[in-house]
Amino acid sequence: MRFLIFTVVFFLVAAVIKIDLTEGTVPLAAFNDSEELICNDQISVQSISVMTTEGDSVQGLFAAYPTEVKISLPERMAHFYKLNPHLKKQAMVPGELVKIPIYQQTVQHCSK
């Protein structure tokens, strides 16, 4: 019986510590006393249509059409396949029209 009570108390304390470490008890905004300008930068995703030729690959098209924003290859591939779902299970065919994601950085607004 003692073992059962000890186990329940142990898991309860562990859960409280986990919640305290992940979510925190004091909001982090309370420690921000400096009045600095905060700008919300957002990335807009646009696409351009390209006619493929013999020997084109997705990475080759990405190199031919670079973006302003540094974005990881897996993220860009995910957007590419979202725009071109028919290419998930087949190779590109010459003369096919595909959409390539192009990213641009936009500043929405700045506040104190």
PDB file of N, CA and C in Angstrom:
ATOM      1  N   MET A   1       0.824  -1.193   0.000  1.00  0.00           N
ATOM      2  CA  MET A   1       0.000   0.000   0.000  1.00  0.00           C
ATOM      3  C   MET A   1       0.869   1.258   0.000  1.00  0.00           C
ATOM      4  N   ARG A   2       1.976   1.208   0.784  1.00  0.00           N
ATOM      5  CA  ARG A   2       2.879   2.353   0.806  1.00  0.00           C
ATOM      6  C   ARG A   2       3.498   2.586  -0.566  1.00  0.00           C
ATOM      7  N   PHE A   3       3.813   1.497  -1.232  1.00  0.00           N
ATOM      8  CA  PHE A   3       4.416   1.601  -2.559  1.00  0.00           C
ATOM      9  C   PHE A   3       3.454   2.276  -3.535  1.00  0.00           C
ATOM     10  N   LEU A   4       2.176   1.955  -3.456  1.00  0.00           N
ATOM     11  CA  LEU A   4       1.169   2.554  -4.333  1.00  0.00           C
ATOM     12  C   LEU A   4       1.040   4.052  -4.053  1.00  0.00           C
ATOM     13  N   ILE A   5       0.992   4.440  -2.804  1.00  0.00           N
ATOM     14  CA  ILE A   5       0.880   5.850  -2.438  1.00  0.00           C
ATOM     15  C   ILE A   5       2.145   6.603  -2.882  1.00  0.00           C
ATOM     16  N   PHE A   6       3.321   6.018  -2.640  1.00  0.00           N
ATOM     17  CA  PHE A   6       4.569   6.636  -3.056  1.00  0.00           C
ATOM     18  C   PHE A   6       4.603   6.828  -4.575  1.00  0.00           C
ATOM     19  N   THR A   7       4.130   5.858  -5.338  1.00  0.00           N
ATOM     20  CA  THR A   7       4.117   5.937  -6.794  1.00  0.00           C
ATOM     21  C   THR A   7       3.188   7.049  -7.276  1.00  0.00           C
ATOM     22  N   VAL A   8       2.000   7.155  -6.687  1.00  0.00           N
ATOM     23  CA  VAL A   8       1.052   8.188  -7.060  1.00  0.00           C
ATOM     24  C   VAL A   8       1.628   9.569  -6.749  1.00  0.00           C
ATOM     25  N   VAL A   9       2.216   9.744  -5.573  1.00  0.00           N
ATOM     26  CA  VAL A   9       2.806  11.022  -5.187  1.00  0.00           C
ATOM     27  C   VAL A   9       3.973  11.363  -6.117  1.00  0.00           C
ATOM     28  N   PHE A  10       4.790  10.372  -6.426  1.00  0.00           N
ATOM     29  CA  PHE A  10       5.933  10.597  -7.317  1.00  0.00           C
ATOM     30  C   PHE A  10       5.469  11.075  -8.691  1.00  0.00           C
ATOM     31  N   PHE A  11       4.470  10.420  -9.283  1.00  0.00           N
ATOM     32  CA  PHE A  11       3.983  10.829 -10.597  1.00  0.00           C
ATOM     33  C   PHE A  11       3.285  12.187 -10.556  1.00  0.00           C
ATOM     34  N   LEU A  12       2.623  12.487  -9.468  1.00  0.00           N
ATOM     35  CA  LEU A  12       1.991  13.794  -9.310  1.00  0.00           C
ATOM     36  C   LEU A  12       3.049  14.897  -9.253  1.00  0.00           C
ATOM     37  N   VAL A  13       4.101  14.698  -8.471  1.00  0.00           N
ATOM     38  CA  VAL A  13       5.181  15.681  -8.380  1.00  0.00           C
ATOM     39  C   VAL A  13       5.888  15.814  -9.727  1.00  0.00           C
ATOM     40  N   ALA A  14       6.116  14.713 -10.414  1.00  0.00           N
ATOM     41  CA  ALA A  14       6.768  14.752 -11.726  1.00  0.00           C
ATOM     42  C   ALA A  14       5.918  15.524 -12.735  1.00  0.00           C
ATOM     43  N   ALA A  15       4.605  15.340 -12.691  1.00  0.00           N
ATOM     44  CA  ALA A  15       3.722  16.059 -13.615  1.00  0.00           C
ATOM     45  C   ALA A  15       3.745  17.560 -13.320  1.00  0.00           C
ATOM     46  N   VAL A  16       3.735  17.942 -12.050  1.00  0.00           N
ATOM     47  CA  VAL A  16       3.775  19.359 -11.679  1.00  0.00           C
ATOM     48  C   VAL A  16       5.093  19.982 -12.120  1.00  0.00           C
ATOM     49  N   ILE A  17       6.202  19.288 -11.937  1.00  0.00           N
ATOM     50  CA  ILE A  17       7.508  19.808 -12.348  1.00  0.00           C
ATOM     51  C   ILE A  17       7.567  19.946 -13.862  1.00  0.00           C
ATOM     52  N   LYS A  18       7.049  18.977 -14.600  1.00  0.00           N
ATOM     53  CA  LYS A  18       7.052  19.028 -16.062  1.00  0.00           C
ATOM     54  C   LYS A  18       6.243  20.225 -16.560  1.00  0.00           C
ATOM     55  N   ILE A  19       5.066  20.429 -15.995  1.00  0.00           N
ATOM     56  CA  ILE A  19       4.228  21.563 -16.405  1.00  0.00           C
ATOM     57  C   ILE A  19       4.917  22.877 -16.067  1.00  0.00           C
ATOM     58  N   ASP A  20       5.547  22.949 -14.898  1.00  0.00           N
ATOM     59  CA  ASP A  20       6.233  24.172 -14.501  1.00  0.00           C
ATOM     60  C   ASP A  20       7.413  24.470 -15.413  1.00  0.00           C
ATOM     61  N   LEU A  21       8.153  23.458 -15.828  1.00  0.00           N
ATOM     62  CA  LEU A  21       9.313  23.676 -16.686  1.00  0.00           C
ATOM     63  C   LEU A  21       8.926  23.986 -18.125  1.00  0.00           C
ATOM     64  N   THR A  22       7.848  23.407 -18.616  1.00  0.00           N
ATOM     65  CA  THR A  22       7.479  23.640 -20.015  1.00  0.00           C
ATOM     66  C   THR A  22       6.654  24.906 -20.197  1.00  0.00           C
ATOM     67  N   GLU A  23       5.674  25.141 -19.343  1.00  0.00           N
ATOM     68  CA  GLU A  23       4.806  26.306 -19.502  1.00  0.00           C
ATOM     69  C   GLU A  23       5.240  27.480 -18.640  1.00  0.00           C
ATOM     70  N   GLY A  24       5.842  27.207 -17.525  1.00  0.00           N
ATOM     71  CA  GLY A  24       6.319  28.260 -16.636  1.00  0.00           C
ATOM     72  C   GLY A  24       5.218  28.769 -15.730  1.00  0.00           C
ATOM     73  N   THR A  25       5.642  29.320 -14.583  1.00  0.00           N
ATOM     74  CA  THR A  25       4.667  29.869 -13.648  1.00  0.00           C
ATOM     75  C   THR A  25       4.587  31.382 -13.749  1.00  0.00           C
ATOM     76  N   VAL A  26       5.672  32.021 -14.223  1.00  0.00           N
ATOM     77  CA  VAL A  26       5.708  33.468 -14.378  1.00  0.00           C
ATOM     78  C   VAL A  26       5.798  33.763 -15.871  1.00  0.00           C
ATOM     79  N   PRO A  27       4.901  34.562 -16.398  1.00  0.00           N
ATOM     80  CA  PRO A  27       4.971  34.880 -17.824  1.00  0.00           C
ATOM     81  C   PRO A  27       6.287  35.580 -18.166  1.00  0.00           C
ATOM     82  N   LEU A  28       6.871  35.210 -19.286  1.00  0.00           N
ATOM     83  CA  LEU A  28       8.146  35.793 -19.691  1.00  0.00           C
ATOM     84  C   LEU A  28       8.009  37.257 -20.064  1.00  0.00           C
ATOM     85  N   ALA A  29       6.826  37.713 -20.423  1.00  0.00           N
ATOM     86  CA  ALA A  29       6.624  39.113 -20.789  1.00  0.00           C
ATOM     87  C   ALA A  29       6.852  40.035 -19.602  1.00  0.00           C
ATOM     88  N   ALA A  30       6.736  39.541 -18.386  1.00  0.00           N
ATOM     89  CA  ALA A  30       6.933  40.366 -17.209  1.00  0.00           C
ATOM     90  C   ALA A  30       8.390  40.777 -17.055  1.00  0.00           C
ATOM     91  N   PHE A  31       9.309  40.041 -17.671  1.00  0.00           N
ATOM     92  CA  PHE A  31      10.724  40.361 -17.551  1.00  0.00           C
ATOM     93  C   PHE A  31      11.211  41.287 -18.651  1.00  0.00           C
ATOM     94  N   ASN A  32      10.369  41.641 -19.608  1.00  0.00           N
ATOM     95  CA  ASN A  32      10.759  42.477 -20.731  1.00  0.00           C
ATOM     96  C   ASN A  32      10.478  43.936 -20.400  1.00  0.00           C
ATOM     97  N   ASP A  33      11.458  44.620 -19.790  1.00  0.00           N
ATOM     98  CA  ASP A  33      11.294  46.023 -19.419  1.00  0.00           C
ATOM     99  C   ASP A  33      11.772  46.974 -20.500  1.00  0.00           C
ATOM    100  N   SER A  34      12.598  46.513 -21.403  1.00  0.00           N
ATOM    101  CA  SER A  34      13.144  47.398 -22.423  1.00  0.00           C
ATOM    102  C   SER A  34      12.070  47.736 -23.455  1.00  0.00           C
ATOM    103  N   GLU A  35      12.084  48.988 -23.893  1.00  0.00           N
ATOM    104  CA  GLU A  35      11.128  49.420 -24.901  1.00  0.00           C
ATOM    105  C   GLU A  35      11.828  49.444 -26.243  1.00  0.00           C
ATOM    106  N   GLU A  36      11.845  48.314 -26.902  1.00  0.00           N
ATOM    107  CA  GLU A  36      12.460  48.249 -28.206  1.00  0.00           C
ATOM    108  C   GLU A  36      11.383  48.020 -29.258  1.00  0.00           C
ATOM    109  N   LEU A  37      11.716  48.336 -30.463  1.00  0.00           N
ATOM    110  CA  LEU A  37      10.785  48.225 -31.569  1.00  0.00           C
ATOM    111  C   LEU A  37      10.647  46.766 -31.981  1.00  0.00           C
ATOM    112  N   ILE A  38       9.423  46.283 -32.041  1.00  0.00           N
ATOM    113  CA  ILE A  38       9.151  44.904 -32.439  1.00  0.00           C
ATOM    114  C   ILE A  38       8.471  44.937 -33.792  1.00  0.00           C
ATOM    115  N   CYS A  39       9.087  44.300 -34.767  1.00  0.00           N
ATOM    116  CA  CYS A  39       8.523  44.240 -36.116  1.00  0.00           C
ATOM    117  C   CYS A  39       8.108  42.807 -36.430  1.00  0.00           C
ATOM    118  N   ASN A  40       6.927  42.663 -36.957  1.00  0.00           N
ATOM    119  CA  ASN A  40       6.436  41.346 -37.344  1.00  0.00           C
ATOM    120  C   ASN A  40       6.795  41.087 -38.803  1.00  0.00           C
ATOM    121  N   ASP A  41       7.858  40.321 -39.013  1.00  0.00           N
ATOM    122  CA  ASP A  41       8.241  39.943 -40.361  1.00  0.00           C
ATOM    123  C   ASP A  41       7.512  38.661 -40.724  1.00  0.00           C
ATOM    124  N   GLN A  42       6.943  38.640 -41.898  1.00  0.00           N
ATOM    125  CA  GLN A  42       6.256  37.449 -42.358  1.00  0.00           C
ATOM    126  C   GLN A  42       6.781  37.071 -43.725  1.00  0.00           C
ATOM    127  N   ILE A  43       6.643  35.813 -44.028  1.00  0.00           N
ATOM    128  CA  ILE A  43       7.088  35.307 -45.316  1.00  0.00           C
ATOM    129  C   ILE A  43       5.857  35.013 -46.152  1.00  0.00           C
ATOM    130  N   SER A  44       5.808  35.621 -47.332  1.00  0.00           N
ATOM    131  CA  SER A  44       4.692  35.332 -48.232  1.00  0.00           C
ATOM    132  C   SER A  44       5.161  34.327 -49.275  1.00  0.00           C
ATOM    133  N   VAL A  45       4.289  33.387 -49.580  1.00  0.00           N
ATOM    134  CA  VAL A  45       4.607  32.339 -50.539  1.00  0.00           C
ATOM    135  C   VAL A  45       3.810  32.599 -51.810  1.00  0.00           C
ATOM    136  N   GLN A  46       4.534  32.755 -52.901  1.00  0.00           N
ATOM    137  CA  GLN A  46       3.901  32.894 -54.206  1.00  0.00           C
ATOM    138  C   GLN A  46       4.416  31.767 -55.080  1.00  0.00           C
ATOM    139  N   SER A  47       3.836  31.600 -56.229  1.00  0.00           N
ATOM    140  CA  SER A  47       4.314  30.541 -57.113  1.00  0.00           C
ATOM    141  C   SER A  47       4.408  31.070 -58.537  1.00  0.00           C
ATOM    142  N   ILE A  48       5.327  30.472 -59.280  1.00  0.00           N
ATOM    143  CA  ILE A  48       5.434  30.773 -60.702  1.00  0.00           C
ATOM    144  C   ILE A  48       5.306  29.458 -61.460  1.00  0.00           C
ATOM    145  N   SER A  49       4.727  29.518 -62.624  1.00  0.00           N
ATOM    146  CA  SER A  49       4.542  28.324 -63.444  1.00  0.00           C
ATOM    147  C   SER A  49       5.703  28.209 -64.427  1.00  0.00           C
ATOM    148  N   VAL A  50       6.228  27.008 -64.544  1.00  0.00           N
ATOM    149  CA  VAL A  50       7.381  26.753 -65.393  1.00  0.00           C
ATOM    150  C   VAL A  50       7.103  25.509 -66.233  1.00  0.00           C
ATOM    151  N   MET A  51       7.496  25.555 -67.494  1.00  0.00           N
ATOM    152  CA  MET A  51       7.394  24.397 -68.385  1.00  0.00           C
ATOM    153  C   MET A  51       8.689  23.600 -68.248  1.00  0.00           C
ATOM    154  N   THR A  52       8.585  22.323 -67.909  1.00  0.00           N
ATOM    155  CA  THR A  52       9.770  21.506 -67.694  1.00  0.00           C
ATOM    156  C   THR A  52      10.376  21.066 -69.023  1.00  0.00           C
ATOM    157  N   THR A  53      11.674  20.787 -68.981  1.00  0.00           N
ATOM    158  CA  THR A  53      12.387  20.279 -70.145  1.00  0.00           C
ATOM    159  C   THR A  53      13.038  18.953 -69.776  1.00  0.00           C
ATOM    160  N   GLU A  54      13.656  18.323 -70.736  1.00  0.00           N
ATOM    161  CA  GLU A  54      14.325  17.032 -70.516  1.00  0.00           C
ATOM    162  C   GLU A  54      15.435  17.195 -69.484  1.00  0.00           C
ATOM    163  N   GLY A  55      15.459  16.336 -68.476  1.00  0.00           N
ATOM    164  CA  GLY A  55      16.514  16.345 -67.463  1.00  0.00           C
ATOM    165  C   GLY A  55      16.263  17.267 -66.290  1.00  0.00           C
ATOM    166  N   ASP A  56      15.132  17.941 -66.245  1.00  0.00           N
ATOM    167  CA  ASP A  56      14.834  18.816 -65.101  1.00  0.00           C
ATOM    168  C   ASP A  56      14.574  17.992 -63.856  1.00  0.00           C
ATOM    169  N   SER A  57      15.018  18.533 -62.726  1.00  0.00           N
ATOM    170  CA  SER A  57      14.711  17.942 -61.427  1.00  0.00           C
ATOM    171  C   SER A  57      14.174  19.047 -60.525  1.00  0.00           C
ATOM    172  N   VAL A  58      13.613  18.655 -59.415  1.00  0.00           N
ATOM    173  CA  VAL A  58      13.056  19.647 -58.490  1.00  0.00           C
ATOM    174  C   VAL A  58      14.173  20.531 -57.953  1.00  0.00           C
ATOM    175  N   GLN A  59      15.298  19.937 -57.561  1.00  0.00           N
ATOM    176  CA  GLN A  59      16.405  20.722 -57.038  1.00  0.00           C
ATOM    177  C   GLN A  59      16.983  21.638 -58.115  1.00  0.00           C
ATOM    178  N   GLY A  60      17.025  21.173 -59.358  1.00  0.00           N
ATOM    179  CA  GLY A  60      17.503  22.013 -60.445  1.00  0.00           C
ATOM    180  C   GLY A  60      16.595  23.213 -60.675  1.00  0.00           C
ATOM    181  N   LEU A  61      15.291  23.004 -60.571  1.00  0.00           N
ATOM    182  CA  LEU A  61      14.349  24.120 -60.711  1.00  0.00           C
ATOM    183  C   LEU A  61      14.482  25.102 -59.549  1.00  0.00           C
ATOM    184  N   PHE A  62      14.712  24.580 -58.336  1.00  0.00           N
ATOM    185  CA  PHE A  62      14.921  25.458 -57.187  1.00  0.00           C
ATOM    186  C   PHE A  62      16.177  26.303 -57.372  1.00  0.00           C
ATOM    187  N   ALA A  63      17.233  25.718 -57.956  1.00  0.00           N
ATOM    188  CA  ALA A  63      18.469  26.468 -58.192  1.00  0.00           C
ATOM    189  C   ALA A  63      18.268  27.516 -59.280  1.00  0.00           C
ATOM    190  N   ALA A  64      17.438  27.210 -60.269  1.00  0.00           N
ATOM    191  CA  ALA A  64      17.197  28.152 -61.362  1.00  0.00           C
ATOM    192  C   ALA A  64      16.301  29.305 -60.927  1.00  0.00           C
ATOM    193  N   TYR A  65      15.444  29.083 -59.947  1.00  0.00           N
ATOM    194  CA  TYR A  65      14.517  30.108 -59.460  1.00  0.00           C
ATOM    195  C   TYR A  65      14.717  30.292 -57.959  1.00  0.00           C
ATOM    196  N   PRO A  66      15.771  31.029 -57.548  1.00  0.00           N
ATOM    197  CA  PRO A  66      16.040  31.219 -56.119  1.00  0.00           C
ATOM    198  C   PRO A  66      15.027  32.165 -55.474  1.00  0.00           C
ATOM    199  N   THR A  67      15.046  32.210 -54.151  1.00  0.00           N
ATOM    200  CA  THR A  67      14.138  33.073 -53.395  1.00  0.00           C
ATOM    201  C   THR A  67      14.931  34.075 -52.578  1.00  0.00           C
ATOM    202  N   GLU A  68      14.248  35.140 -52.111  1.00  0.00           N
ATOM    203  CA  GLU A  68      14.880  36.152 -51.264  1.00  0.00           C
ATOM    204  C   GLU A  68      15.155  35.618 -49.866  1.00  0.00           C
ATOM    205  N   VAL A  69      14.308  34.732 -49.406  1.00  0.00           N
ATOM    206  CA  VAL A  69      14.350  34.249 -48.031  1.00  0.00           C
ATOM    207  C   VAL A  69      15.063  32.898 -47.988  1.00  0.00           C
ATOM    208  N   LYS A  70      15.924  32.712 -46.979  1.00  0.00           N
ATOM    209  CA  LYS A  70      16.559  31.409 -46.806  1.00  0.00           C
ATOM    210  C   LYS A  70      15.541  30.469 -46.187  1.00  0.00           C
ATOM    211  N   ILE A  71      15.267  29.401 -46.919  1.00  0.00           N
ATOM    212  CA  ILE A  71      14.298  28.408 -46.450  1.00  0.00           C
ATOM    213  C   ILE A  71      14.915  27.040 -46.650  1.00  0.00           C
ATOM    214  N   SER A  72      14.663  26.130 -45.739  1.00  0.00           N
ATOM    215  CA  SER A  72      15.275  24.815 -45.842  1.00  0.00           C
ATOM    216  C   SER A  72      14.693  24.039 -47.023  1.00  0.00           C
ATOM    217  N   LEU A  73      15.491  23.113 -47.529  1.00  0.00           N
ATOM    218  CA  LEU A  73      15.057  22.315 -48.671  1.00  0.00           C
ATOM    219  C   LEU A  73      13.818  21.475 -48.349  1.00  0.00           C
ATOM    220  N   PRO A  74      13.726  20.826 -47.177  1.00  0.00           N
ATOM    221  CA  PRO A  74      12.509  20.065 -46.889  1.00  0.00           C
ATOM    222  C   PRO A  74      11.236  20.927 -46.862  1.00  0.00           C
ATOM    223  N   GLU A  75      11.349  22.170 -46.341  1.00  0.00           N
ATOM    224  CA  GLU A  75      10.192  23.066 -46.332  1.00  0.00           C
ATOM    225  C   GLU A  75       9.778  23.440 -47.745  1.00  0.00           C
ATOM    226  N   ARG A  76      10.790  23.754 -48.553  1.00  0.00           N
ATOM    227  CA  ARG A  76      10.501  24.147 -49.932  1.00  0.00           C
ATOM    228  C   ARG A  76       9.940  22.971 -50.724  1.00  0.00           C
ATOM    229  N   MET A  77      10.457  21.761 -50.477  1.00  0.00           N
ATOM    230  CA  MET A  77       9.932  20.565 -51.144  1.00  0.00           C
ATOM    231  C   MET A  77       8.476  20.318 -50.738  1.00  0.00           C
ATOM    232  N   ALA A  78       8.160  20.541 -49.464  1.00  0.00           N
ATOM    233  CA  ALA A  78       6.782  20.347 -49.000  1.00  0.00           C
ATOM    234  C   ALA A  78       5.840  21.311 -49.712  1.00  0.00           C
ATOM    235  N   HIS A  79       6.253  22.581 -49.862  1.00  0.00           N
ATOM    236  CA  HIS A  79       5.413  23.539 -50.587  1.00  0.00           C
ATOM    237  C   HIS A  79       5.305  23.159 -52.063  1.00  0.00           C
ATOM    238  N   PHE A  80       6.406  22.662 -52.644  1.00  0.00           N
ATOM    239  CA  PHE A  80       6.388  22.257 -54.050  1.00  0.00           C
ATOM    240  C   PHE A  80       5.374  21.136 -54.267  1.00  0.00           C
ATOM    241  N   TYR A  81       5.400  20.132 -53.394  1.00  0.00           N
ATOM    242  CA  TYR A  81       4.465  19.009 -53.557  1.00  0.00           C
ATOM    243  C   TYR A  81       3.033  19.393 -53.180  1.00  0.00           C
ATOM    244  N   LYS A  82       2.868  20.427 -52.366  1.00  0.00           N
ATOM    245  CA  LYS A  82       1.517  20.914 -52.089  1.00  0.00           C
ATOM    246  C   LYS A  82       0.943  21.607 -53.329  1.00  0.00           C
ATOM    247  N   LEU A  83       1.817  22.318 -54.065  1.00  0.00           N
ATOM    248  CA  LEU A  83       1.376  22.978 -55.295  1.00  0.00           C
ATOM    249  C   LEU A  83       1.233  21.992 -56.456  1.00  0.00           C
ATOM    250  N   ASN A  84       2.004  20.911 -56.427  1.00  0.00           N
ATOM    251  CA  ASN A  84       2.004  19.917 -57.505  1.00  0.00           C
ATOM    252  C   ASN A  84       1.779  18.523 -56.925  1.00  0.00           C
ATOM    253  N   PRO A  85       0.576  18.227 -56.441  1.00  0.00           N
ATOM    254  CA  PRO A  85       0.354  16.926 -55.796  1.00  0.00           C
ATOM    255  C   PRO A  85       0.494  15.742 -56.759  1.00  0.00           C
ATOM    256  N   HIS A  86       0.347  15.975 -58.056  1.00  0.00           N
ATOM    257  CA  HIS A  86       0.452  14.887 -59.019  1.00  0.00           C
ATOM    258  C   HIS A  86       1.893  14.390 -59.174  1.00  0.00           C
ATOM    259  N   LEU A  87       2.873  15.132 -58.684  1.00  0.00           N
ATOM    260  CA  LEU A  87       4.277  14.734 -58.813  1.00  0.00           C
ATOM    261  C   LEU A  87       4.791  13.941 -57.615  1.00  0.00           C
ATOM    262  N   LYS A  88       3.942  13.672 -56.635  1.00  0.00           N
ATOM    263  CA  LYS A  88       4.383  12.928 -55.457  1.00  0.00           C
ATOM    264  C   LYS A  88       4.822  11.515 -55.816  1.00  0.00           C
ATOM    265  N   LYS A  89       4.104  10.877 -56.739  1.00  0.00           N
ATOM    266  CA  LYS A  89       4.381   9.476 -57.043  1.00  0.00           C
ATOM    267  C   LYS A  89       4.822   9.257 -58.481  1.00  0.00           C
ATOM    268  N   GLN A  90       5.205  10.323 -59.173  1.00  0.00           N
ATOM    269  CA  GLN A  90       5.687  10.165 -60.538  1.00  0.00           C
ATOM    270  C   GLN A  90       6.772  11.184 -60.824  1.00  0.00           C
ATOM    271  N   ALA A  91       7.576  10.890 -61.848  1.00  0.00           N
ATOM    272  CA  ALA A  91       8.658  11.792 -62.235  1.00  0.00           C
ATOM    273  C   ALA A  91       8.108  12.902 -63.125  1.00  0.00           C
ATOM    274  N   MET A  92       8.907  13.968 -63.262  1.00  0.00           N
ATOM    275  CA  MET A  92       8.503  15.058 -64.140  1.00  0.00           C
ATOM    276  C   MET A  92       8.645  14.628 -65.596  1.00  0.00           C
ATOM    277  N   VAL A  93       7.682  15.039 -66.387  1.00  0.00           N
ATOM    278  CA  VAL A  93       7.669  14.742 -67.810  1.00  0.00           C
ATOM    279  C   VAL A  93       8.034  16.023 -68.556  1.00  0.00           C
ATOM    280  N   PRO A  94       8.905  15.950 -69.567  1.00  0.00           N
ATOM    281  CA  PRO A  94       9.228  17.162 -70.329  1.00  0.00           C
ATOM    282  C   PRO A  94       7.975  17.759 -70.954  1.00  0.00           C
ATOM    283  N   GLY A  95       7.856  19.078 -70.873  1.00  0.00           N
ATOM    284  CA  GLY A  95       6.701  19.779 -71.404  1.00  0.00           C
ATOM    285  C   GLY A  95       5.565  19.941 -70.409  1.00  0.00           C
ATOM    286  N   GLU A  96       5.777  19.469 -69.185  1.00  0.00           N
ATOM    287  CA  GLU A  96       4.754  19.563 -68.141  1.00  0.00           C
ATOM    288  C   GLU A  96       4.837  20.926 -67.464  1.00  0.00           C
ATOM    289  N   LEU A  97       3.704  21.465 -67.084  1.00  0.00           N
ATOM    290  CA  LEU A  97       3.640  22.748 -66.398  1.00  0.00           C
ATOM    291  C   LEU A  97       3.631  22.494 -64.892  1.00  0.00           C
ATOM    292  N   VAL A  98       4.663  22.993 -64.193  1.00  0.00           N
ATOM    293  CA  VAL A  98       4.734  22.829 -62.740  1.00  0.00           C
ATOM    294  C   VAL A  98       4.811  24.205 -62.090  1.00  0.00           C
ATOM    295  N   LYS A  99       4.392  24.262 -60.835  1.00  0.00           N
ATOM    296  CA  LYS A  99       4.447  25.507 -60.067  1.00  0.00           C
ATOM    297  C   LYS A  99       5.597  25.414 -59.072  1.00  0.00           C
ATOM    298  N   ILE A 100       6.376  26.487 -59.003  1.00  0.00           N
ATOM    299  CA  ILE A 100       7.526  26.542 -58.104  1.00  0.00           C
ATOM    300  C   ILE A 100       7.253  27.608 -57.047  1.00  0.00           C
ATOM    301  N   PRO A 101       7.394  27.254 -55.757  1.00  0.00           N
ATOM    302  CA  PRO A 101       7.161  28.256 -54.703  1.00  0.00           C
ATOM    303  C   PRO A 101       8.297  29.267 -54.638  1.00  0.00           C
ATOM    304  N   ILE A 102       7.930  30.533 -54.553  1.00  0.00           N
ATOM    305  CA  ILE A 102       8.880  31.639 -54.408  1.00  0.00           C
ATOM    306  C   ILE A 102       8.500  32.371 -53.115  1.00  0.00           C
ATOM    307  N   TYR A 103       9.476  32.626 -52.273  1.00  0.00           N
ATOM    308  CA  TYR A 103       9.228  33.242 -50.969  1.00  0.00           C
ATOM    309  C   TYR A 103       9.745  34.671 -50.962  1.00  0.00           C
ATOM    310  N   GLN A 104       8.975  35.554 -50.327  1.00  0.00           N
ATOM    311  CA  GLN A 104       9.370  36.946 -50.178  1.00  0.00           C
ATOM    312  C   GLN A 104       9.116  37.361 -48.744  1.00  0.00           C
ATOM    313  N   GLN A 105      10.015  38.167 -48.193  1.00  0.00           N
ATOM    314  CA  GLN A 105       9.862  38.656 -46.825  1.00  0.00           C
ATOM    315  C   GLN A 105       9.097  39.963 -46.843  1.00  0.00           C
ATOM    316  N   THR A 106       8.059  40.060 -46.020  1.00  0.00           N
ATOM    317  CA  THR A 106       7.279  41.280 -45.923  1.00  0.00           C
ATOM    318  C   THR A 106       7.217  41.720 -44.464  1.00  0.00           C
ATOM    319  N   VAL A 107       7.299  43.025 -44.228  1.00  0.00           N
ATOM    320  CA  VAL A 107       7.169  43.587 -42.882  1.00  0.00           C
ATOM    321  C   VAL A 107       5.750  44.108 -42.748  1.00  0.00           C
ATOM    322  N   GLN A 108       5.013  43.568 -41.805  1.00  0.00           N
ATOM    323  CA  GLN A 108       3.611  43.952 -41.608  1.00  0.00           C
ATOM    324  C   GLN A 108       3.485  45.290 -40.887  1.00  0.00           C
ATOM    325  N   HIS A 109       3.928  45.330 -39.643  1.00  0.00           N
ATOM    326  CA  HIS A 109       3.860  46.564 -38.859  1.00  0.00           C
ATOM    327  C   HIS A 109       4.859  46.500 -37.717  1.00  0.00           C
ATOM    328  N   CYS A 110       5.252  47.639 -37.225  1.00  0.00           N
ATOM    329  CA  CYS A 110       6.182  47.717 -36.108  1.00  0.00           C
ATOM    330  C   CYS A 110       5.490  48.410 -34.951  1.00  0.00           C
ATOM    331  N   SER A 111       5.776  47.947 -33.731  1.00  0.00           N
ATOM    332  CA  SER A 111       5.175  48.557 -32.537  1.00  0.00           C
ATOM    333  C   SER A 111       6.178  48.525 -31.391  1.00  0.00           C
ATOM    334  N   LYS A 112       5.874  49.316 -30.349  1.00  0.00           N
ATOM    335  CA  LYS A 112       6.748  49.337 -29.161  1.00  0.00           C
ATOM    336  C   LYS A 112       6.301  48.340 -28.156  1.00  0.00           C
TER     337      LYS A 112
END
